[in-house]
Amino acid sequence: MFFCLSTALIYPYCIAFGGIPYNWNNPIWLNIFIGEIVMLLDMVIKFLLAFKFDGETKYIIDFKKIANRYIHEGNFKKDFIIWLPLYEILKTIAPSLEIFVIIKSTRFS
């Protein structure tokens, strides 16, 4: 939760004040990097996490059913788009498009 909140605040700050600093000694870059790793691990865990339907007592542990539920009924599409390295992709297309990296701020919802 900490990394989701902090990256939700850091991305707009970086875009407003000169871009994302790529330096391992910079705490902002380190926080962004760790936040992206945490987001990826969260996505993997959601693919593996058993669930149960309302009113049922038995958990669903079949991997295909868990994955299908996360992909079709969960937030997989949103999580994946937020996790993509949009800053690098958009910066190479046109520097003015880097403002769209603000979409990463929506992970805290």
Protein backbone atom coordinates (compact mmCIF):
# COMPACT_ATOMS: atom_id res chain seq x y z
CA MET A 1 0.00 0.00 0.00
CA PHE A 2 2.87 2.36 0.79
CA PHE A 3 4.45 1.95 -2.64
CA CYS A 4 1.12 2.40 -4.43
CA LEU A 5 0.51 5.65 -2.56
CA SER A 6 4.05 6.92 -2.97
CA THR A 7 4.27 6.18 -6.70
CA ALA A 8 0.81 7.72 -7.17
CA LEU A 9 2.34 10.93 -5.82
CA ILE A 10 5.81 10.61 -7.34
CA TYR A 11 4.82 10.14 -11.00
CA PRO A 12 2.93 13.45 -11.28
CA TYR A 13 5.75 15.22 -9.44
CA CYS A 14 8.40 13.83 -11.79
CA ILE A 15 6.42 14.70 -14.91
CA ALA A 16 5.77 18.24 -13.67
CA PHE A 17 9.39 18.90 -12.66
CA GLY A 18 11.59 17.42 -15.35
CA GLY A 19 10.99 13.72 -15.83
CA ILE A 20 11.91 10.54 -14.01
CA PRO A 21 15.49 10.49 -12.69
CA TYR A 22 17.34 7.32 -13.71
CA ASN A 23 19.90 7.12 -10.96
CA TRP A 24 20.12 4.34 -8.38
CA ASN A 25 21.37 6.84 -5.80
CA ASN A 26 18.20 8.91 -6.17
CA PRO A 27 15.52 7.87 -3.64
CA ILE A 28 12.76 8.85 -6.07
CA TRP A 29 14.02 6.38 -8.72
CA LEU A 30 14.51 3.69 -6.10
CA ASN A 31 10.96 4.18 -4.84
CA ILE A 32 9.58 4.00 -8.38
CA PHE A 33 11.55 0.84 -9.13
CA ILE A 34 10.48 -0.92 -5.93
CA GLY A 35 6.89 0.21 -6.50
CA GLU A 36 6.88 -1.38 -9.96
CA ILE A 37 8.27 -4.65 -8.56
CA VAL A 38 5.60 -4.65 -5.83
CA MET A 39 2.91 -4.04 -8.46
CA LEU A 40 4.19 -6.96 -10.55
CA LEU A 41 4.26 -9.25 -7.50
CA ASP A 42 0.71 -8.17 -6.66
CA MET A 43 -0.42 -9.17 -10.14
CA VAL A 44 1.26 -12.58 -9.82
CA ILE A 45 -0.32 -13.16 -6.40
CA LYS A 46 -3.76 -12.30 -7.79
CA PHE A 47 -3.27 -15.04 -10.40
CA LEU A 48 -2.58 -17.57 -7.64
CA LEU A 49 -4.97 -16.48 -4.89
CA ALA A 50 -7.88 -18.84 -4.20
CA PHE A 51 -11.36 -17.36 -3.93
CA LYS A 52 -14.88 -18.39 -3.00
CA PHE A 53 -18.24 -17.31 -4.32
CA ASP A 54 -20.69 -15.49 -2.08
CA GLY A 55 -22.61 -17.93 0.10
CA GLU A 56 -20.19 -20.79 -0.57
CA THR A 57 -17.85 -22.33 1.97
CA LYS A 58 -15.46 -24.05 -0.40
CA TYR A 59 -12.57 -22.14 -1.96
CA ILE A 60 -11.85 -22.42 -5.69
CA ILE A 61 -8.24 -23.58 -6.06
CA ASP A 62 -8.20 -24.49 -9.76
CA PHE A 63 -5.54 -22.31 -11.41
CA LYS A 64 -7.48 -21.86 -14.67
CA LYS A 65 -10.59 -20.68 -12.85
CA ILE A 66 -8.58 -18.30 -10.68
CA ALA A 67 -6.75 -16.85 -13.68
CA ASN A 68 -9.93 -16.55 -15.76
CA ARG A 69 -11.67 -14.76 -12.91
CA TYR A 70 -8.81 -12.28 -12.51
CA ILE A 71 -8.52 -11.65 -16.25
CA HIS A 72 -12.23 -11.34 -17.04
CA GLU A 73 -13.83 -10.16 -13.79
CA GLY A 74 -10.91 -8.66 -11.93
CA ASN A 75 -8.65 -5.70 -12.58
CA PHE A 76 -6.03 -7.45 -14.70
CA LYS A 77 -6.38 -5.16 -17.72
CA LYS A 78 -6.15 -2.07 -15.54
CA ASP A 79 -3.26 -3.47 -13.50
CA PHE A 80 -1.34 -4.46 -16.64
CA ILE A 81 -1.76 -1.09 -18.34
CA ILE A 82 -0.67 0.68 -15.17
CA TRP A 83 2.35 -1.61 -14.81
CA LEU A 84 3.60 -1.13 -18.41
CA PRO A 85 6.70 1.09 -18.74
CA LEU A 86 4.64 3.85 -20.36
CA TYR A 87 7.16 6.57 -19.67
CA GLU A 88 9.81 4.93 -21.84
CA ILE A 89 7.39 4.01 -24.62
CA LEU A 90 5.71 7.42 -24.84
CA LYS A 91 8.96 9.34 -24.46
CA THR A 92 10.38 7.64 -27.57
CA ILE A 93 7.25 8.41 -29.62
CA ALA A 94 6.97 12.07 -28.64
CA PRO A 95 8.20 13.83 -25.51
CA SER A 96 4.87 15.64 -25.13
CA LEU A 97 3.09 12.28 -24.61
CA GLU A 98 4.94 11.58 -21.37
CA ILE A 99 2.11 13.36 -19.53
CA PHE A 100 0.06 10.18 -20.02
CA VAL A 101 2.28 8.40 -17.50
CA ILE A 102 -0.02 10.03 -14.95
CA ILE A 103 -2.23 6.97 -15.55
CA LYS A 104 0.11 5.18 -13.14
CA SER A 105 -1.35 7.35 -10.39
CA THR A 106 -4.65 5.50 -10.72
CA ARG A 107 -3.21 2.34 -9.17
CA PHE A 108 -4.19 3.77 -5.81
CA SER A 109 -7.95 3.42 -6.13
